[in-house]
Amino acid sequence: MMSKVAVSIAPKSPSECRAGMAAVAGRAGFVEVRLDAMERIDPDALRHAPLPVIATCRPMREGGRFGGPERERLDILRCASQWAAYVDIEWDTADRFESARARTLVSRHWFDHMPDLHQEYRRLRRRGDAVKLAAPARTAEDAAHVLDVLAAATSPLIAIGMGDAGRHARLAALALPHCLATYVALKRGQETAPGQPSLDDVLELS
C-alpha cells in the first residue's frame, strides 16, 4: 500500500526541498515536489532524489503559485524531467510538452464543481502516461464518484475528491489496482490541498 503513497511537499528553497525528500525516503512510494512553491525555482534540487519524484509546477490558472510566462514554466518542467519519475503537466499544455526522461502525468483540476470524471478520464488517458483528476467532493456521492472512476480505470490514474468529504476516498483509493498514487501531507498542518490526509494517517491503516 505504501508504494502508492505520494507525500506532497511545498519547499521554499532547494535546501528545504532536499530535506523534505530525505524525510520521505523509505516511508512512501513517491514524493510530489511543488516547484511552484519555491521562492527561487531550481529543478536541479531534484537531482539524486532518494525516491521517485512527481515534479509539479502548478500555474495560477490551475490553483498553483506560478505566475510567470508559460514558456518559462515548461522549461522548468523539461529540466525537472531529467530526474523525476513523473512530470505533472496540465491538460491544456500537454501537447506542447516534451519530457527528457520522465513519464507524463496529465492533470486537470476543477474548483467549483464535480464533473463527470469518467468522461474526463476517457478524454485524457491517451495524452500521457497517466492521468490526474481533482475536483471538490462536497457530498458522499461525490466521493463515491471518485472511487467509481478509479475502479473503472484501465490505465494509471490519480483521482482526488478535494475537501473533508473526499478524505476517506483518498485512503480507500489505495486498494484499487489502477490507482497510481494518493497524495498525503508529510505532517498534519502541512497539507497542499484541502482534505489531504497526513502520512501518519496512512501509516495507522497499514
C-alpha atoms as a PDB file:
ATOM      1  CA  MET A   1       0.000   0.000   0.000  1.00  0.00           C
ATOM      2  CA  MET A   2       2.768   2.471   0.862  1.00  0.00           C
ATOM      3  CA  SER A   3       4.158   2.152  -2.668  1.00  0.00           C
ATOM      4  CA  LYS A   4       1.103   4.118  -3.846  1.00  0.00           C
ATOM      5  CA  VAL A   5       1.503   6.921  -1.326  1.00  0.00           C
ATOM      6  CA  ALA A   6       2.824  10.234  -2.659  1.00  0.00           C
ATOM      7  CA  VAL A   7       3.893  12.706   0.006  1.00  0.00           C
ATOM      8  CA  SER A   8       3.376  16.229  -1.294  1.00  0.00           C
ATOM      9  CA  ILE A   9       5.890  18.861  -0.196  1.00  0.00           C
ATOM     10  CA  ALA A  10       5.956  22.581  -0.976  1.00  0.00           C
ATOM     11  CA  PRO A  11       9.544  23.671  -0.282  1.00  0.00           C
ATOM     12  CA  LYS A  12      10.528  27.328  -0.327  1.00  0.00           C
ATOM     13  CA  SER A  13      14.162  26.644  -1.273  1.00  0.00           C
ATOM     14  CA  PRO A  14      16.366  23.936  -2.822  1.00  0.00           C
ATOM     15  CA  SER A  15      17.788  23.035   0.594  1.00  0.00           C
ATOM     16  CA  GLU A  16      14.284  22.683   2.022  1.00  0.00           C
ATOM     17  CA  CYS A  17      13.412  20.511  -0.980  1.00  0.00           C
ATOM     18  CA  ARG A  18      16.310  18.151  -0.352  1.00  0.00           C
ATOM     19  CA  ALA A  19      15.478  17.956   3.356  1.00  0.00           C
ATOM     20  CA  GLY A  20      11.838  17.203   2.571  1.00  0.00           C
ATOM     21  CA  MET A  21      12.725  14.423   0.154  1.00  0.00           C
ATOM     22  CA  ALA A  22      15.108  12.906   2.698  1.00  0.00           C
ATOM     23  CA  ALA A  23      12.337  12.943   5.319  1.00  0.00           C
ATOM     24  CA  VAL A  24      10.056  10.964   2.996  1.00  0.00           C
ATOM     25  CA  ALA A  25      12.634   8.420   1.777  1.00  0.00           C
ATOM     26  CA  GLY A  26      11.781   4.876   2.814  1.00  0.00           C
ATOM     27  CA  ARG A  27       8.314   5.870   4.037  1.00  0.00           C
ATOM     28  CA  ALA A  28       6.373   6.311   0.775  1.00  0.00           C
ATOM     29  CA  GLY A  29       6.428   5.334  -2.881  1.00  0.00           C
ATOM     30  CA  PHE A  30       6.662   8.873  -4.263  1.00  0.00           C
ATOM     31  CA  VAL A  31       7.304  12.437  -3.260  1.00  0.00           C
ATOM     32  CA  GLU A  32       5.493  15.215  -5.098  1.00  0.00           C
ATOM     33  CA  VAL A  33       7.652  18.337  -5.201  1.00  0.00           C
ATOM     34  CA  ARG A  34       5.705  21.549  -5.738  1.00  0.00           C
ATOM     35  CA  LEU A  35       8.338  23.549  -7.565  1.00  0.00           C
ATOM     36  CA  ASP A  36       5.906  26.471  -7.848  1.00  0.00           C
ATOM     37  CA  ALA A  37       6.212  26.960  -4.072  1.00  0.00           C
ATOM     38  CA  MET A  38       9.930  27.788  -4.316  1.00  0.00           C
ATOM     39  CA  GLU A  39      10.945  31.415  -3.943  1.00  0.00           C
ATOM     40  CA  ARG A  40      13.697  30.695  -6.497  1.00  0.00           C
ATOM     41  CA  ILE A  41      12.754  27.698  -8.587  1.00  0.00           C
ATOM     42  CA  ASP A  42      15.650  25.291  -9.068  1.00  0.00           C
ATOM     43  CA  PRO A  43      14.766  21.952 -10.711  1.00  0.00           C
ATOM     44  CA  ASP A  44      18.336  20.797 -10.066  1.00  0.00           C
ATOM     45  CA  ALA A  45      17.244  20.256  -6.449  1.00  0.00           C
ATOM     46  CA  LEU A  46      15.648  17.018  -7.683  1.00  0.00           C
ATOM     47  CA  ARG A  47      18.994  15.567  -8.728  1.00  0.00           C
ATOM     48  CA  HIS A  48      19.907  12.456  -6.690  1.00  0.00           C
ATOM     49  CA  ALA A  49      16.412  12.286  -5.144  1.00  0.00           C
ATOM     50  CA  PRO A  50      16.233   9.316  -2.738  1.00  0.00           C
ATOM     51  CA  LEU A  51      12.838   8.142  -4.074  1.00  0.00           C
ATOM     52  CA  PRO A  52      10.701   8.613  -7.214  1.00  0.00           C
ATOM     53  CA  VAL A  53       9.636  12.231  -7.729  1.00  0.00           C
ATOM     54  CA  ILE A  54       6.448  13.675  -9.195  1.00  0.00           C
ATOM     55  CA  ALA A  55       7.557  17.136 -10.343  1.00  0.00           C
ATOM     56  CA  THR A  56       4.831  19.781 -10.322  1.00  0.00           C
ATOM     57  CA  CYS A  57       4.969  23.472 -11.216  1.00  0.00           C
ATOM     58  CA  ARG A  58       1.320  24.434 -10.961  1.00  0.00           C
ATOM     59  CA  PRO A  59       0.236  27.659 -12.709  1.00  0.00           C
ATOM     60  CA  MET A  60      -2.181  30.042 -11.036  1.00  0.00           C
ATOM     61  CA  ARG A  61      -4.931  29.153 -13.511  1.00  0.00           C
ATOM     62  CA  GLU A  62      -4.951  25.617 -12.070  1.00  0.00           C
ATOM     63  CA  GLY A  63      -4.723  26.662  -8.430  1.00  0.00           C
ATOM     64  CA  GLY A  64      -0.922  26.869  -8.143  1.00  0.00           C
ATOM     65  CA  ARG A  65       1.519  29.668  -7.368  1.00  0.00           C
ATOM     66  CA  PHE A  66       3.487  30.041 -10.603  1.00  0.00           C
ATOM     67  CA  GLY A  67       2.617  33.331 -12.275  1.00  0.00           C
ATOM     68  CA  GLY A  68       5.403  33.634 -14.838  1.00  0.00           C
ATOM     69  CA  PRO A  69       5.354  33.048 -18.598  1.00  0.00           C
ATOM     70  CA  GLU A  70       4.148  29.641 -19.772  1.00  0.00           C
ATOM     71  CA  ARG A  71       7.314  29.094 -21.792  1.00  0.00           C
ATOM     72  CA  GLU A  72       9.398  29.519 -18.641  1.00  0.00           C
ATOM     73  CA  ARG A  73       7.200  27.077 -16.722  1.00  0.00           C
ATOM     74  CA  LEU A  74       7.520  24.425 -19.430  1.00  0.00           C
ATOM     75  CA  ASP A  75      11.295  24.909 -19.469  1.00  0.00           C
ATOM     76  CA  ILE A  76      11.355  24.321 -15.701  1.00  0.00           C
ATOM     77  CA  LEU A  77       9.408  21.090 -16.122  1.00  0.00           C
ATOM     78  CA  ARG A  78      11.610  19.916 -19.006  1.00  0.00           C
ATOM     79  CA  CYS A  79      14.636  20.387 -16.787  1.00  0.00           C
ATOM     80  CA  ALA A  80      12.911  18.597 -13.903  1.00  0.00           C
ATOM     81  CA  SER A  81      12.049  15.685 -16.194  1.00  0.00           C
ATOM     82  CA  GLN A  82      15.732  14.706 -16.266  1.00  0.00           C
ATOM     83  CA  TRP A  83      15.447  13.452 -12.678  1.00  0.00           C
ATOM     84  CA  ALA A  84      11.733  12.987 -11.954  1.00  0.00           C
ATOM     85  CA  ALA A  85       9.790   9.749 -12.385  1.00  0.00           C
ATOM     86  CA  TYR A  86       6.705  11.722 -13.462  1.00  0.00           C
ATOM     87  CA  VAL A  87       6.106  15.293 -14.560  1.00  0.00           C
ATOM     88  CA  ASP A  88       2.653  16.689 -13.811  1.00  0.00           C
ATOM     89  CA  ILE A  89       1.621  18.603 -16.932  1.00  0.00           C
ATOM     90  CA  GLU A  90      -1.700  20.405 -17.250  1.00  0.00           C
ATOM     91  CA  TRP A  91      -4.250  19.129 -19.754  1.00  0.00           C
ATOM     92  CA  ASP A  92      -4.235  22.321 -21.837  1.00  0.00           C
ATOM     93  CA  THR A  93      -0.460  22.282 -22.410  1.00  0.00           C
ATOM     94  CA  ALA A  94       0.230  18.530 -22.549  1.00  0.00           C
ATOM     95  CA  ASP A  95       0.559  18.554 -26.337  1.00  0.00           C
ATOM     96  CA  ARG A  96       3.299  21.210 -26.118  1.00  0.00           C
ATOM     97  CA  PHE A  97       5.445  19.423 -23.560  1.00  0.00           C
ATOM     98  CA  GLU A  98       8.308  17.068 -24.381  1.00  0.00           C
ATOM     99  CA  SER A  99       9.787  15.191 -21.445  1.00  0.00           C
ATOM    100  CA  ALA A 100      13.520  14.492 -21.300  1.00  0.00           C
ATOM    101  CA  ARG A 101      13.101  11.198 -19.434  1.00  0.00           C
ATOM    102  CA  ALA A 102      10.153  11.229 -17.054  1.00  0.00           C
ATOM    103  CA  ARG A 103       6.700   9.881 -17.712  1.00  0.00           C
ATOM    104  CA  THR A 104       3.898  12.409 -18.077  1.00  0.00           C
ATOM    105  CA  LEU A 105       1.003  12.796 -15.653  1.00  0.00           C
ATOM    106  CA  VAL A 106      -1.670  14.787 -17.492  1.00  0.00           C
ATOM    107  CA  SER A 107      -3.727  16.667 -14.913  1.00  0.00           C
ATOM    108  CA  ARG A 108      -6.880  18.723 -14.728  1.00  0.00           C
ATOM    109  CA  HIS A 109      -8.405  20.485 -11.733  1.00  0.00           C
ATOM    110  CA  TRP A 110     -11.876  21.851 -11.013  1.00  0.00           C
ATOM    111  CA  PHE A 111     -12.603  24.056  -8.018  1.00  0.00           C
ATOM    112  CA  ASP A 112     -16.310  24.866  -8.314  1.00  0.00           C
ATOM    113  CA  HIS A 113     -17.989  21.570  -9.210  1.00  0.00           C
ATOM    114  CA  MET A 114     -17.573  17.818  -9.589  1.00  0.00           C
ATOM    115  CA  PRO A 115     -17.556  16.978 -13.325  1.00  0.00           C
ATOM    116  CA  ASP A 116     -18.205  13.614 -14.955  1.00  0.00           C
ATOM    117  CA  LEU A 117     -14.822  12.094 -14.140  1.00  0.00           C
ATOM    118  CA  HIS A 118     -15.441   9.043 -16.322  1.00  0.00           C
ATOM    119  CA  GLN A 119     -15.796  11.318 -19.343  1.00  0.00           C
ATOM    120  CA  GLU A 120     -12.752  13.409 -18.408  1.00  0.00           C
ATOM    121  CA  TYR A 121     -10.631  10.291 -17.888  1.00  0.00           C
ATOM    122  CA  ARG A 122     -11.577   8.999 -21.337  1.00  0.00           C
ATOM    123  CA  ARG A 123     -10.638  12.366 -22.862  1.00  0.00           C
ATOM    124  CA  LEU A 124      -7.198  12.499 -21.295  1.00  0.00           C
ATOM    125  CA  ARG A 125      -5.991   8.919 -20.935  1.00  0.00           C
ATOM    126  CA  ARG A 126      -4.224   8.793 -24.329  1.00  0.00           C
ATOM    127  CA  ARG A 127      -2.489  12.152 -23.895  1.00  0.00           C
ATOM    128  CA  GLY A 128       0.061  10.984 -21.342  1.00  0.00           C
ATOM    129  CA  ASP A 129       1.385   8.016 -19.408  1.00  0.00           C
ATOM    130  CA  ALA A 130      -1.053   8.624 -16.544  1.00  0.00           C
ATOM    131  CA  VAL A 131      -3.956  10.936 -15.689  1.00  0.00           C
ATOM    132  CA  LYS A 132      -4.707  13.033 -12.616  1.00  0.00           C
ATOM    133  CA  LEU A 133      -8.192  14.450 -11.966  1.00  0.00           C
ATOM    134  CA  ALA A 134      -9.014  16.608  -8.929  1.00  0.00           C
ATOM    135  CA  ALA A 135     -12.348  18.192  -8.059  1.00  0.00           C
ATOM    136  CA  PRO A 136     -14.230  19.233  -4.912  1.00  0.00           C
ATOM    137  CA  ALA A 137     -16.075  16.475  -3.070  1.00  0.00           C
ATOM    138  CA  ARG A 138     -18.866  18.090  -1.069  1.00  0.00           C
ATOM    139  CA  THR A 139     -21.024  15.009  -0.505  1.00  0.00           C
ATOM    140  CA  ALA A 140     -20.684  11.266  -0.013  1.00  0.00           C
ATOM    141  CA  GLU A 141     -21.985  10.868  -3.567  1.00  0.00           C
ATOM    142  CA  ASP A 142     -19.094  12.973  -4.888  1.00  0.00           C
ATOM    143  CA  ALA A 143     -16.597  10.814  -3.007  1.00  0.00           C
ATOM    144  CA  ALA A 144     -18.241   7.649  -4.360  1.00  0.00           C
ATOM    145  CA  HIS A 145     -17.963   9.047  -7.897  1.00  0.00           C
ATOM    146  CA  VAL A 146     -14.202   9.453  -7.415  1.00  0.00           C
ATOM    147  CA  LEU A 147     -13.861   5.829  -6.341  1.00  0.00           C
ATOM    148  CA  ASP A 148     -16.102   4.689  -9.200  1.00  0.00           C
ATOM    149  CA  VAL A 149     -13.839   6.197 -11.850  1.00  0.00           C
ATOM    150  CA  LEU A 150     -10.765   4.720 -10.167  1.00  0.00           C
ATOM    151  CA  ALA A 151     -12.385   1.286 -10.063  1.00  0.00           C
ATOM    152  CA  ALA A 152     -13.311   1.518 -13.754  1.00  0.00           C
ATOM    153  CA  ALA A 153      -9.912   2.802 -14.925  1.00  0.00           C
ATOM    154  CA  THR A 154      -7.847   0.674 -17.295  1.00  0.00           C
ATOM    155  CA  SER A 155      -4.625   2.700 -17.023  1.00  0.00           C
ATOM    156  CA  PRO A 156      -2.762   4.577 -14.263  1.00  0.00           C
ATOM    157  CA  LEU A 157      -4.999   7.227 -12.687  1.00  0.00           C
ATOM    158  CA  ILE A 158      -4.952   9.598  -9.750  1.00  0.00           C
ATOM    159  CA  ALA A 159      -8.464  10.801  -8.876  1.00  0.00           C
ATOM    160  CA  ILE A 160      -8.973  13.126  -5.938  1.00  0.00           C
ATOM    161  CA  GLY A 161     -12.054  14.460  -4.195  1.00  0.00           C
ATOM    162  CA  MET A 162     -10.808  17.623  -2.529  1.00  0.00           C
ATOM    163  CA  GLY A 163     -12.256  18.573   0.850  1.00  0.00           C
ATOM    164  CA  ASP A 164     -13.313  16.751   4.003  1.00  0.00           C
ATOM    165  CA  ALA A 165     -15.975  14.682   2.211  1.00  0.00           C
ATOM    166  CA  GLY A 166     -13.298  13.225  -0.051  1.00  0.00           C
ATOM    167  CA  ARG A 167     -10.824  12.361   2.681  1.00  0.00           C
ATOM    168  CA  HIS A 168     -11.937   8.729   3.064  1.00  0.00           C
ATOM    169  CA  ALA A 169     -11.887   8.212  -0.716  1.00  0.00           C
ATOM    170  CA  ARG A 170      -8.241   9.302  -0.827  1.00  0.00           C
ATOM    171  CA  LEU A 171      -7.353   6.447   1.512  1.00  0.00           C
ATOM    172  CA  ALA A 172      -9.740   3.886   0.005  1.00  0.00           C
ATOM    173  CA  ALA A 173      -8.218   4.563  -3.427  1.00  0.00           C
ATOM    174  CA  LEU A 174      -5.027   2.807  -2.352  1.00  0.00           C
ATOM    175  CA  ALA A 175      -6.740  -0.578  -2.680  1.00  0.00           C
ATOM    176  CA  LEU A 176      -7.734  -0.073  -6.329  1.00  0.00           C
ATOM    177  CA  PRO A 177      -5.429  -1.638  -8.951  1.00  0.00           C
ATOM    178  CA  HIS A 178      -5.142   1.286 -11.375  1.00  0.00           C
ATOM    179  CA  CYS A 179      -4.720   3.949  -8.704  1.00  0.00           C
ATOM    180  CA  LEU A 180      -1.230   5.295  -9.379  1.00  0.00           C
ATOM    181  CA  ALA A 181      -0.982   7.201  -6.106  1.00  0.00           C
ATOM    182  CA  THR A 182      -2.824   9.152  -3.468  1.00  0.00           C
ATOM    183  CA  TYR A 183      -1.391  12.406  -2.134  1.00  0.00           C
ATOM    184  CA  VAL A 184      -0.739  12.955   1.559  1.00  0.00           C
ATOM    185  CA  ALA A 185       0.961  15.605   3.670  1.00  0.00           C
ATOM    186  CA  LEU A 186       4.240  14.855   5.411  1.00  0.00           C
ATOM    187  CA  LYS A 187       2.745  16.130   8.679  1.00  0.00           C
ATOM    188  CA  ARG A 188      -0.598  17.426   9.839  1.00  0.00           C
ATOM    189  CA  GLY A 189      -0.726  21.151   9.130  1.00  0.00           C
ATOM    190  CA  GLN A 190       1.445  20.846   6.004  1.00  0.00           C
ATOM    191  CA  GLU A 191      -1.360  19.973   3.574  1.00  0.00           C
ATOM    192  CA  THR A 192      -1.021  21.218  -0.006  1.00  0.00           C
ATOM    193  CA  ALA A 193      -4.728  20.659  -0.788  1.00  0.00           C
ATOM    194  CA  PRO A 194      -7.977  20.597   1.234  1.00  0.00           C
ATOM    195  CA  GLY A 195      -8.870  17.254   2.789  1.00  0.00           C
ATOM    196  CA  GLN A 196      -5.386  15.821   2.342  1.00  0.00           C
ATOM    197  CA  PRO A 197      -4.581  13.178   4.974  1.00  0.00           C
ATOM    198  CA  SER A 198      -1.162  13.001   6.586  1.00  0.00           C
ATOM    199  CA  LEU A 199       1.449  10.294   6.213  1.00  0.00           C
ATOM    200  CA  ASP A 200       0.705   9.248   9.797  1.00  0.00           C
ATOM    201  CA  ASP A 201      -2.969   8.755   8.867  1.00  0.00           C
ATOM    202  CA  VAL A 202      -1.919   6.245   6.204  1.00  0.00           C
ATOM    203  CA  LEU A 203       0.604   4.512   8.446  1.00  0.00           C
ATOM    204  CA  GLU A 204      -2.136   3.969  11.035  1.00  0.00           C
ATOM    205  CA  LEU A 205      -4.084   1.992   8.421  1.00  0.00           C
ATOM    206  CA  SER A 206      -1.188  -0.188   7.278  1.00  0.00           C
END
